[in-house]
mmCIF file of all heavy atoms, coordinates in Angstrom:
data_MODEL
# 
_entry.id   MODEL 
# 
loop_
_atom_site.group_PDB 
_atom_site.id 
_atom_site.type_symbol 
_atom_site.label_atom_id 
_atom_site.label_alt_id 
_atom_site.label_comp_id 
_atom_site.label_asym_id 
_atom_site.label_entity_id 
_atom_site.label_seq_id 
_atom_site.pdbx_PDB_ins_code 
_atom_site.Cartn_x 
_atom_site.Cartn_y 
_atom_site.Cartn_z 
_atom_site.occupancy 
_atom_site.B_iso_or_equiv 
_atom_site.pdbx_formal_charge 
_atom_site.auth_seq_id 
_atom_site.auth_comp_id 
_atom_site.auth_asym_id 
_atom_site.auth_atom_id 
_atom_site.pdbx_PDB_model_num 
ATOM 1   N N   . PHE A 1 1  ? 188.989 73.113 -199.280 1.00 0.00 ? 1  PHE A N   1 
ATOM 2   C CA  . PHE A 1 1  ? 188.483 73.080 -197.915 1.00 0.00 ? 1  PHE A CA  1 
ATOM 3   C C   . PHE A 1 1  ? 189.307 73.997 -197.004 1.00 0.00 ? 1  PHE A C   1 
ATOM 4   O O   . PHE A 1 1  ? 188.761 74.691 -196.148 1.00 0.00 ? 1  PHE A O   1 
ATOM 5   C CB  . PHE A 1 1  ? 188.513 71.655 -197.352 1.00 0.00 ? 1  PHE A CB  1 
ATOM 6   C CG  . PHE A 1 1  ? 187.543 70.722 -198.028 1.00 0.00 ? 1  PHE A CG  1 
ATOM 7   C CD1 . PHE A 1 1  ? 187.823 69.360 -198.124 1.00 0.00 ? 1  PHE A CD1 1 
ATOM 8   C CD2 . PHE A 1 1  ? 186.362 71.191 -198.566 1.00 0.00 ? 1  PHE A CD2 1 
ATOM 9   C CE1 . PHE A 1 1  ? 186.937 68.498 -198.738 1.00 0.00 ? 1  PHE A CE1 1 
ATOM 10  C CE2 . PHE A 1 1  ? 185.475 70.338 -199.188 1.00 0.00 ? 1  PHE A CE2 1 
ATOM 11  C CZ  . PHE A 1 1  ? 185.751 68.977 -199.275 1.00 0.00 ? 1  PHE A CZ  1 
ATOM 12  N N   . VAL A 1 2  ? 190.625 73.984 -197.201 1.00 0.00 ? 2  VAL A N   1 
ATOM 13  C CA  . VAL A 1 2  ? 191.489 74.834 -196.388 1.00 0.00 ? 2  VAL A CA  1 
ATOM 14  C C   . VAL A 1 2  ? 191.177 76.311 -196.630 1.00 0.00 ? 2  VAL A C   1 
ATOM 15  O O   . VAL A 1 2  ? 191.185 77.131 -195.703 1.00 0.00 ? 2  VAL A O   1 
ATOM 16  C CB  . VAL A 1 2  ? 192.973 74.538 -196.685 1.00 0.00 ? 2  VAL A CB  1 
ATOM 17  C CG1 . VAL A 1 2  ? 193.878 75.555 -195.980 1.00 0.00 ? 2  VAL A CG1 1 
ATOM 18  C CG2 . VAL A 1 2  ? 193.326 73.135 -196.244 1.00 0.00 ? 2  VAL A CG2 1 
ATOM 19  N N   . SER A 1 3  ? 190.876 76.651 -197.884 1.00 0.00 ? 3  SER A N   1 
ATOM 20  C CA  . SER A 1 3  ? 190.573 78.045 -198.201 1.00 0.00 ? 3  SER A CA  1 
ATOM 21  C C   . SER A 1 3  ? 189.303 78.524 -197.504 1.00 0.00 ? 3  SER A C   1 
ATOM 22  O O   . SER A 1 3  ? 189.127 79.713 -197.254 1.00 0.00 ? 3  SER A O   1 
ATOM 23  C CB  . SER A 1 3  ? 190.448 78.227 -199.722 1.00 0.00 ? 3  SER A CB  1 
ATOM 24  O OG  . SER A 1 3  ? 189.307 77.558 -200.218 1.00 0.00 ? 3  SER A OG  1 
ATOM 25  N N   . PHE A 1 4  ? 188.397 77.595 -197.186 1.00 0.00 ? 4  PHE A N   1 
ATOM 26  C CA  . PHE A 1 4  ? 187.217 77.959 -196.421 1.00 0.00 ? 4  PHE A CA  1 
ATOM 27  C C   . PHE A 1 4  ? 187.609 78.482 -195.043 1.00 0.00 ? 4  PHE A C   1 
ATOM 28  O O   . PHE A 1 4  ? 186.939 79.350 -194.476 1.00 0.00 ? 4  PHE A O   1 
ATOM 29  C CB  . PHE A 1 4  ? 186.287 76.757 -196.254 1.00 0.00 ? 4  PHE A CB  1 
ATOM 30  C CG  . PHE A 1 4  ? 185.302 76.597 -197.369 1.00 0.00 ? 4  PHE A CG  1 
ATOM 31  C CD1 . PHE A 1 4  ? 185.593 75.767 -198.435 1.00 0.00 ? 4  PHE A CD1 1 
ATOM 32  C CD2 . PHE A 1 4  ? 184.104 77.263 -197.381 1.00 0.00 ? 4  PHE A CD2 1 
ATOM 33  C CE1 . PHE A 1 4  ? 184.709 75.608 -199.484 1.00 0.00 ? 4  PHE A CE1 1 
ATOM 34  C CE2 . PHE A 1 4  ? 183.207 77.115 -198.431 1.00 0.00 ? 4  PHE A CE2 1 
ATOM 35  C CZ  . PHE A 1 4  ? 183.504 76.286 -199.474 1.00 0.00 ? 4  PHE A CZ  1 
ATOM 36  N N   . GLU A 1 5  ? 188.693 77.924 -194.497 1.00 0.00 ? 5  GLU A N   1 
ATOM 37  C CA  . GLU A 1 5  ? 189.145 78.337 -193.177 1.00 0.00 ? 5  GLU A CA  1 
ATOM 38  C C   . GLU A 1 5  ? 189.947 79.630 -193.237 1.00 0.00 ? 5  GLU A C   1 
ATOM 39  O O   . GLU A 1 5  ? 189.926 80.431 -192.302 1.00 0.00 ? 5  GLU A O   1 
ATOM 40  C CB  . GLU A 1 5  ? 190.001 77.227 -192.558 1.00 0.00 ? 5  GLU A CB  1 
ATOM 41  C CG  . GLU A 1 5  ? 189.285 75.907 -192.368 1.00 0.00 ? 5  GLU A CG  1 
ATOM 42  C CD  . GLU A 1 5  ? 188.145 76.026 -191.365 1.00 0.00 ? 5  GLU A CD  1 
ATOM 43  O OE1 . GLU A 1 5  ? 188.278 76.824 -190.423 1.00 0.00 ? 5  GLU A OE1 1 
ATOM 44  O OE2 . GLU A 1 5  ? 187.132 75.328 -191.530 1.00 0.00 ? 5  GLU A OE2 1 
ATOM 45  N N   . ILE A 1 6  ? 190.660 79.831 -194.349 1.00 0.00 ? 6  ILE A N   1 
ATOM 46  C CA  . ILE A 1 6  ? 191.530 80.992 -194.466 1.00 0.00 ? 6  ILE A CA  1 
ATOM 47  C C   . ILE A 1 6  ? 190.735 82.252 -194.804 1.00 0.00 ? 6  ILE A C   1 
ATOM 48  O O   . ILE A 1 6  ? 190.996 83.328 -194.302 1.00 0.00 ? 6  ILE A O   1 
ATOM 49  C CB  . ILE A 1 6  ? 192.612 80.743 -195.536 1.00 0.00 ? 6  ILE A CB  1 
ATOM 50  C CG1 . ILE A 1 6  ? 193.505 79.576 -195.094 1.00 0.00 ? 6  ILE A CG1 1 
ATOM 51  C CG2 . ILE A 1 6  ? 193.455 81.992 -195.775 1.00 0.00 ? 6  ILE A CG2 1 
ATOM 52  C CD1 . ILE A 1 6  ? 194.517 79.167 -196.132 1.00 0.00 ? 6  ILE A CD1 1 
ATOM 53  N N   . LYS A 1 7  ? 189.752 82.119 -195.690 1.00 0.00 ? 7  LYS A N   1 
ATOM 54  C CA  . LYS A 1 7  ? 188.970 83.288 -196.085 1.00 0.00 ? 7  LYS A CA  1 
ATOM 55  C C   . LYS A 1 7  ? 187.521 82.880 -196.290 1.00 0.00 ? 7  LYS A C   1 
ATOM 56  O O   . LYS A 1 7  ? 187.176 81.696 -196.325 1.00 0.00 ? 7  LYS A O   1 
ATOM 57  C CB  . LYS A 1 7  ? 189.531 83.891 -197.376 1.00 0.00 ? 7  LYS A CB  1 
ATOM 58  C CG  . LYS A 1 7  ? 189.407 82.979 -198.584 1.00 0.00 ? 7  LYS A CG  1 
ATOM 59  C CD  . LYS A 1 7  ? 189.889 83.672 -199.856 1.00 0.00 ? 7  LYS A CD  1 
ATOM 60  C CE  . LYS A 1 7  ? 189.684 82.772 -201.070 1.00 0.00 ? 7  LYS A CE  1 
ATOM 61  N NZ  . LYS A 1 7  ? 190.061 83.436 -202.324 1.00 0.00 ? 7  LYS A NZ  1 
ATOM 62  N N   . SER A 1 8  ? 186.697 83.879 -196.444 1.00 0.00 ? 8  SER A N   1 
ATOM 63  C CA  . SER A 1 8  ? 185.271 83.630 -196.632 1.00 0.00 ? 8  SER A CA  1 
ATOM 64  C C   . SER A 1 8  ? 185.002 83.241 -198.081 1.00 0.00 ? 8  SER A C   1 
ATOM 65  O O   . SER A 1 8  ? 185.419 83.931 -199.017 1.00 0.00 ? 8  SER A O   1 
ATOM 66  C CB  . SER A 1 8  ? 184.470 84.886 -196.277 1.00 0.00 ? 8  SER A CB  1 
ATOM 67  O OG  . SER A 1 8  ? 183.097 84.692 -196.515 1.00 0.00 ? 8  SER A OG  1 
ATOM 68  N N   . ILE A 1 9  ? 184.310 82.133 -198.278 1.00 0.00 ? 9  ILE A N   1 
ATOM 69  C CA  . ILE A 1 9  ? 183.941 81.666 -199.615 1.00 0.00 ? 9  ILE A CA  1 
ATOM 70  C C   . ILE A 1 9  ? 182.458 81.920 -199.832 1.00 0.00 ? 9  ILE A C   1 
ATOM 71  O O   . ILE A 1 9  ? 181.619 81.491 -199.038 1.00 0.00 ? 9  ILE A O   1 
ATOM 72  C CB  . ILE A 1 9  ? 184.241 80.165 -199.781 1.00 0.00 ? 9  ILE A CB  1 
ATOM 73  C CG1 . ILE A 1 9  ? 185.716 79.891 -199.497 1.00 0.00 ? 9  ILE A CG1 1 
ATOM 74  C CG2 . ILE A 1 9  ? 183.875 79.699 -201.187 1.00 0.00 ? 9  ILE A CG2 1 
ATOM 75  C CD1 . ILE A 1 9  ? 186.670 80.541 -200.444 1.00 0.00 ? 9  ILE A CD1 1 
ATOM 76  N N   . THR A 1 10 ? 182.141 82.616 -200.902 1.00 0.00 ? 10 THR A N   1 
ATOM 77  C CA  . THR A 1 10 ? 180.744 82.966 -201.159 1.00 0.00 ? 10 THR A CA  1 
ATOM 78  C C   . THR A 1 10 ? 180.055 81.901 -202.000 1.00 0.00 ? 10 THR A C   1 
ATOM 79  O O   . THR A 1 10 ? 180.712 81.091 -202.683 1.00 0.00 ? 10 THR A O   1 
ATOM 80  C CB  . THR A 1 10 ? 180.656 84.310 -201.895 1.00 0.00 ? 10 THR A CB  1 
ATOM 81  O OG1 . THR A 1 10 ? 181.237 84.166 -203.203 1.00 0.00 ? 10 THR A OG1 1 
ATOM 82  C CG2 . THR A 1 10 ? 181.396 85.399 -201.135 1.00 0.00 ? 10 THR A CG2 1 
ATOM 83  N N   . ALA A 1 11 ? 178.741 81.918 -201.956 1.00 0.00 ? 11 ALA A N   1 
ATOM 84  C CA  . ALA A 1 11 ? 177.957 80.999 -202.783 1.00 0.00 ? 11 ALA A CA  1 
ATOM 85  C C   . ALA A 1 11 ? 178.195 81.278 -204.263 1.00 0.00 ? 11 ALA A C   1 
ATOM 86  O O   . ALA A 1 11 ? 178.163 80.359 -205.088 1.00 0.00 ? 11 ALA A O   1 
ATOM 87  C CB  . ALA A 1 11 ? 176.479 81.130 -202.454 1.00 0.00 ? 11 ALA A CB  1 
ATOM 88  N N   . ARG A 1 12 ? 178.448 82.538 -204.619 1.00 0.00 ? 12 ARG A N   1 
ATOM 89  C CA  . ARG A 1 12 ? 178.716 82.894 -206.011 1.00 0.00 ? 12 ARG A CA  1 
ATOM 90  C C   . ARG A 1 12 ? 180.001 82.228 -206.513 1.00 0.00 ? 12 ARG A C   1 
ATOM 91  O O   . ARG A 1 12 ? 180.071 81.780 -207.649 1.00 0.00 ? 12 ARG A O   1 
ATOM 92  C CB  . ARG A 1 12 ? 178.834 84.414 -206.152 1.00 0.00 ? 12 ARG A CB  1 
ATOM 93  C CG  . ARG A 1 12 ? 177.506 85.146 -205.998 1.00 0.00 ? 12 ARG A CG  1 
ATOM 94  C CD  . ARG A 1 12 ? 177.711 86.639 -206.087 1.00 0.00 ? 12 ARG A CD  1 
ATOM 95  N NE  . ARG A 1 12 ? 176.449 87.366 -206.034 1.00 0.00 ? 12 ARG A NE  1 
ATOM 96  C CZ  . ARG A 1 12 ? 176.350 88.684 -206.052 1.00 0.00 ? 12 ARG A CZ  1 
ATOM 97  N NH1 . ARG A 1 12 ? 177.453 89.424 -206.132 1.00 0.00 ? 12 ARG A NH1 1 
ATOM 98  N NH2 . ARG A 1 12 ? 175.167 89.265 -205.999 1.00 0.00 ? 12 ARG A NH2 1 
ATOM 99  N N   . GLU A 1 13 ? 181.007 82.187 -205.655 1.00 0.00 ? 13 GLU A N   1 
ATOM 100 C CA  . GLU A 1 13 ? 182.278 81.558 -206.047 1.00 0.00 ? 13 GLU A CA  1 
ATOM 101 C C   . GLU A 1 13 ? 182.085 80.065 -206.286 1.00 0.00 ? 13 GLU A C   1 
ATOM 102 O O   . GLU A 1 13 ? 182.596 79.516 -207.260 1.00 0.00 ? 13 GLU A O   1 
ATOM 103 C CB  . GLU A 1 13 ? 183.320 81.790 -204.961 1.00 0.00 ? 13 GLU A CB  1 
ATOM 104 C CG  . GLU A 1 13 ? 184.684 81.217 -205.302 1.00 0.00 ? 13 GLU A CG  1 
ATOM 105 C CD  . GLU A 1 13 ? 185.729 81.556 -204.265 1.00 0.00 ? 13 GLU A CD  1 
ATOM 106 O OE1 . GLU A 1 13 ? 185.529 82.517 -203.506 1.00 0.00 ? 13 GLU A OE1 1 
ATOM 107 O OE2 . GLU A 1 13 ? 186.756 80.852 -204.226 1.00 0.00 ? 13 GLU A OE2 1 
ATOM 108 N N   . VAL A 1 14 ? 181.358 79.407 -205.387 1.00 0.00 ? 14 VAL A N   1 
ATOM 109 C CA  . VAL A 1 14 ? 181.088 77.976 -205.550 1.00 0.00 ? 14 VAL A CA  1 
ATOM 110 C C   . VAL A 1 14 ? 180.273 77.742 -206.816 1.00 0.00 ? 14 VAL A C   1 
ATOM 111 O O   . VAL A 1 14 ? 180.527 76.796 -207.576 1.00 0.00 ? 14 VAL A O   1 
ATOM 112 C CB  . VAL A 1 14 ? 180.346 77.423 -204.320 1.00 0.00 ? 14 VAL A CB  1 
ATOM 113 C CG1 . VAL A 1 14 ? 179.962 75.960 -204.542 1.00 0.00 ? 14 VAL A CG1 1 
ATOM 114 C CG2 . VAL A 1 14 ? 181.206 77.547 -203.071 1.00 0.00 ? 14 VAL A CG2 1 
ATOM 115 N N   . THR A 1 15 ? 179.302 78.625 -207.056 1.00 0.00 ? 15 THR A N   1 
ATOM 116 C CA  . THR A 1 15 ? 178.448 78.486 -208.243 1.00 0.00 ? 15 THR A CA  1 
ATOM 117 C C   . THR A 1 15 ? 179.255 78.650 -209.526 1.00 0.00 ? 15 THR A C   1 
ATOM 118 O O   . THR A 1 15 ? 179.069 77.886 -210.487 1.00 0.00 ? 15 THR A O   1 
ATOM 119 C CB  . THR A 1 15 ? 177.320 79.526 -208.208 1.00 0.00 ? 15 THR A CB  1 
ATOM 120 O OG1 . THR A 1 15 ? 176.536 79.337 -207.029 1.00 0.00 ? 15 THR A OG1 1 
ATOM 121 C CG2 . THR A 1 15 ? 176.423 79.393 -209.434 1.00 0.00 ? 15 THR A CG2 1 
ATOM 122 N N   . LEU A 1 16 ? 180.155 79.636 -209.559 1.00 0.00 ? 16 LEU A N   1 
ATOM 123 C CA  . LEU A 1 16 ? 180.981 79.847 -210.751 1.00 0.00 ? 16 LEU A CA  1 
ATOM 124 C C   . LEU A 1 16 ? 181.871 78.637 -211.008 1.00 0.00 ? 16 LEU A C   1 
ATOM 125 O O   . LEU A 1 16 ? 181.987 78.177 -212.158 1.00 0.00 ? 16 LEU A O   1 
ATOM 126 C CB  . LEU A 1 16 ? 181.835 81.102 -210.579 1.00 0.00 ? 16 LEU A CB  1 
ATOM 127 C CG  . LEU A 1 16 ? 182.805 81.418 -211.735 1.00 0.00 ? 16 LEU A CG  1 
ATOM 128 C CD1 . LEU A 1 16 ? 182.053 81.584 -213.049 1.00 0.00 ? 16 LEU A CD1 1 
ATOM 129 C CD2 . LEU A 1 16 ? 183.625 82.663 -211.416 1.00 0.00 ? 16 LEU A CD2 1 
ATOM 130 N N   . THR A 1 17 ? 182.488 78.109 -209.955 1.00 0.00 ? 17 THR A N   1 
ATOM 131 C CA  . THR A 1 17 ? 183.347 76.927 -210.111 1.00 0.00 ? 17 THR A CA  1 
ATOM 132 C C   . THR A 1 17 ? 182.539 75.738 -210.623 1.00 0.00 ? 17 THR A C   1 
ATOM 133 O O   . THR A 1 17 ? 182.968 75.029 -211.544 1.00 0.00 ? 17 THR A O   1 
ATOM 134 C CB  . THR A 1 17 ? 184.006 76.567 -208.766 1.00 0.00 ? 17 THR A CB  1 
ATOM 135 O OG1 . THR A 1 17 ? 184.749 77.686 -208.285 1.00 0.00 ? 17 THR A OG1 1 
ATOM 136 C CG2 . THR A 1 17 ? 184.943 75.378 -208.924 1.00 0.00 ? 17 THR A CG2 1 
ATOM 137 N N   . ALA A 1 18 ? 181.360 75.513 -210.038 1.00 0.00 ? 18 ALA A N   1 
ATOM 138 C CA  . ALA A 1 18 ? 180.500 74.403 -210.463 1.00 0.00 ? 18 ALA A CA  1 
ATOM 139 C C   . ALA A 1 18 ? 180.039 74.585 -211.905 1.00 0.00 ? 18 ALA A C   1 
ATOM 140 O O   . ALA A 1 18 ? 179.949 73.616 -212.668 1.00 0.00 ? 18 ALA A O   1 
ATOM 141 C CB  . ALA A 1 18 ? 179.305 74.287 -209.534 1.00 0.00 ? 18 ALA A CB  1 
ATOM 142 N N   . THR A 1 19 ? 179.753 75.831 -212.296 1.00 0.00 ? 19 THR A N   1 
ATOM 143 C CA  . THR A 1 19 ? 179.314 76.114 -213.663 1.00 0.00 ? 19 THR A CA  1 
ATOM 144 C C   . THR A 1 19 ? 180.407 75.794 -214.670 1.00 0.00 ? 19 THR A C   1 
ATOM 145 O O   . THR A 1 19 ? 180.154 75.204 -215.738 1.00 0.00 ? 19 THR A O   1 
ATOM 146 C CB  . THR A 1 19 ? 178.895 77.587 -213.802 1.00 0.00 ? 19 THR A CB  1 
ATOM 147 O OG1 . THR A 1 19 ? 177.829 77.870 -212.892 1.00 0.00 ? 19 THR A OG1 1 
ATOM 148 C CG2 . THR A 1 19 ? 178.441 77.892 -215.223 1.00 0.00 ? 19 THR A CG2 1 
ATOM 149 N N   . LEU A 1 20 ? 181.649 76.150 -214.344 1.00 0.00 ? 20 LEU A N   1 
ATOM 150 C CA  . LEU A 1 20 ? 182.761 75.866 -215.253 1.00 0.00 ? 20 LEU A CA  1 
ATOM 151 C C   . LEU A 1 20 ? 183.037 74.365 -215.341 1.00 0.00 ? 20 LEU A C   1 
ATOM 152 O O   . LEU A 1 20 ? 183.407 73.864 -216.412 1.00 0.00 ? 20 LEU A O   1 
ATOM 153 C CB  . LEU A 1 20 ? 184.013 76.625 -214.786 1.00 0.00 ? 20 LEU A CB  1 
ATOM 154 C CG  . LEU A 1 20 ? 183.924 78.147 -214.939 1.00 0.00 ? 20 LEU A CG  1 
ATOM 155 C CD1 . LEU A 1 20 ? 185.110 78.831 -214.276 1.00 0.00 ? 20 LEU A CD1 1 
ATOM 156 C CD2 . LEU A 1 20 ? 183.842 78.539 -216.414 1.00 0.00 ? 20 LEU A CD2 1 
ATOM 157 N N   . ILE A 1 21 ? 182.856 73.650 -214.231 1.00 0.00 ? 21 ILE A N   1 
ATOM 158 C CA  . ILE A 1 21 ? 182.971 72.188 -214.283 1.00 0.00 ? 21 ILE A CA  1 
ATOM 159 C C   . ILE A 1 21 ? 181.918 71.620 -215.220 1.00 0.00 ? 21 ILE A C   1 
ATOM 160 O O   . ILE A 1 21 ? 182.207 70.753 -216.054 1.00 0.00 ? 21 ILE A O   1 
ATOM 161 C CB  . ILE A 1 21 ? 182.820 71.585 -212.875 1.00 0.00 ? 21 ILE A CB  1 
ATOM 162 C CG1 . ILE A 1 21 ? 184.020 71.967 -212.003 1.00 0.00 ? 21 ILE A CG1 1 
ATOM 163 C CG2 . ILE A 1 21 ? 182.700 70.064 -212.949 1.00 0.00 ? 21 ILE A CG2 1 
ATOM 164 C CD1 . ILE A 1 21 ? 183.857 71.600 -210.540 1.00 0.00 ? 21 ILE A CD1 1 
ATOM 165 N N   . ALA A 1 22 ? 180.686 72.125 -215.090 1.00 0.00 ? 22 ALA A N   1 
ATOM 166 C CA  . ALA A 1 22 ? 179.599 71.654 -215.951 1.00 0.00 ? 22 ALA A CA  1 
ATOM 167 C C   . ALA A 1 22 ? 179.883 71.958 -217.420 1.00 0.00 ? 22 ALA A C   1 
ATOM 168 O O   . ALA A 1 22 ? 179.632 71.115 -218.304 1.00 0.00 ? 22 ALA A O   1 
ATOM 169 C CB  . ALA A 1 22 ? 178.281 72.304 -215.528 1.00 0.00 ? 22 ALA A CB  1 
ATOM 170 N N   . LEU A 1 23 ? 180.425 73.139 -217.711 1.00 0.00 ? 23 LEU A N   1 
ATOM 171 C CA  . LEU A 1 23 ? 180.774 73.488 -219.097 1.00 0.00 ? 23 LEU A CA  1 
ATOM 172 C C   . LEU A 1 23 ? 181.857 72.567 -219.648 1.00 0.00 ? 23 LEU A C   1 
ATOM 173 O O   . LEU A 1 23 ? 181.801 72.163 -220.819 1.00 0.00 ? 23 LEU A O   1 
ATOM 174 C CB  . LEU A 1 23 ? 181.245 74.945 -219.162 1.00 0.00 ? 23 LEU A CB  1 
ATOM 175 C CG  . LEU A 1 23 ? 180.171 76.023 -219.064 1.00 0.00 ? 23 LEU A CG  1 
ATOM 176 C CD1 . LEU A 1 23 ? 180.810 77.407 -218.988 1.00 0.00 ? 23 LEU A CD1 1 
ATOM 177 C CD2 . LEU A 1 23 ? 179.230 75.948 -220.278 1.00 0.00 ? 23 LEU A CD2 1 
ATOM 178 N N   . ALA A 1 24 ? 182.832 72.242 -218.813 1.00 0.00 ? 24 ALA A N   1 
ATOM 179 C CA  . ALA A 1 24 ? 183.892 71.325 -219.253 1.00 0.00 ? 24 ALA A CA  1 
ATOM 180 C C   . ALA A 1 24 ? 183.323 69.950 -219.568 1.00 0.00 ? 24 ALA A C   1 
ATOM 181 O O   . ALA A 1 24 ? 183.695 69.324 -220.568 1.00 0.00 ? 24 ALA A O   1 
ATOM 182 C CB  . ALA A 1 24 ? 184.970 71.225 -218.171 1.00 0.00 ? 24 ALA A CB  1 
ATOM 183 N N   . VAL A 1 25 ? 182.413 69.474 -218.723 1.00 0.00 ? 25 VAL A N   1 
ATOM 184 C CA  . VAL A 1 25 ? 181.777 68.172 -218.956 1.00 0.00 ? 25 VAL A CA  1 
ATOM 185 C C   . VAL A 1 25 ? 180.964 68.193 -220.240 1.00 0.00 ? 25 VAL A C   1 
ATOM 186 O O   . VAL A 1 25 ? 181.056 67.283 -221.080 1.00 0.00 ? 25 VAL A O   1 
ATOM 187 C CB  . VAL A 1 25 ? 180.881 67.796 -217.755 1.00 0.00 ? 25 VAL A CB  1 
ATOM 188 C CG1 . VAL A 1 25 ? 180.068 66.535 -218.078 1.00 0.00 ? 25 VAL A CG1 1 
ATOM 189 C CG2 . VAL A 1 25 ? 181.716 67.573 -216.511 1.00 0.00 ? 25 VAL A CG2 1 
ATOM 190 N N   . VAL A 1 26 ? 180.160 69.234 -220.421 1.00 0.00 ? 26 VAL A N   1 
ATOM 191 C CA  . VAL A 1 26 ? 179.320 69.349 -221.623 1.00 0.00 ? 26 VAL A CA  1 
ATOM 192 C C   . VAL A 1 26 ? 180.189 69.458 -222.876 1.00 0.00 ? 26 VAL A C   1 
ATOM 193 O O   . VAL A 1 26 ? 179.864 68.892 -223.928 1.00 0.00 ? 26 VAL A O   1 
ATOM 194 C CB  . VAL A 1 26 ? 178.387 70.565 -221.504 1.00 0.00 ? 26 VAL A CB  1 
ATOM 195 C CG1 . VAL A 1 26 ? 177.687 70.844 -222.829 1.00 0.00 ? 26 VAL A CG1 1 
ATOM 196 C CG2 . VAL A 1 26 ? 177.345 70.332 -220.409 1.00 0.00 ? 26 VAL A CG2 1 
ATOM 197 N N   . SER A 1 27 ? 181.310 70.188 -222.775 1.00 0.00 ? 27 SER A N   1 
ATOM 198 C CA  . SER A 1 27 ? 182.177 70.349 -223.946 1.00 0.00 ? 27 SER A CA  1 
ATOM 199 C C   . SER A 1 27 ? 182.751 69.005 -224.393 1.00 0.00 ? 27 SER A C   1 
ATOM 200 O O   . SER A 1 27 ? 182.950 68.774 -225.595 1.00 0.00 ? 27 SER A O   1 
ATOM 201 C CB  . SER A 1 27 ? 183.312 71.325 -223.628 1.00 0.00 ? 27 SER A CB  1 
ATOM 202 O OG  . SER A 1 27 ? 184.269 70.740 -222.751 1.00 0.00 ? 27 SER A OG  1 
# 
């Protein structure tokens, strides 16, 4: 959340993070 204030967070970055979480869960 703090990084949202410090720099711009793109939808692609959130999507990549969410995708890796999903891969970890599936694994």
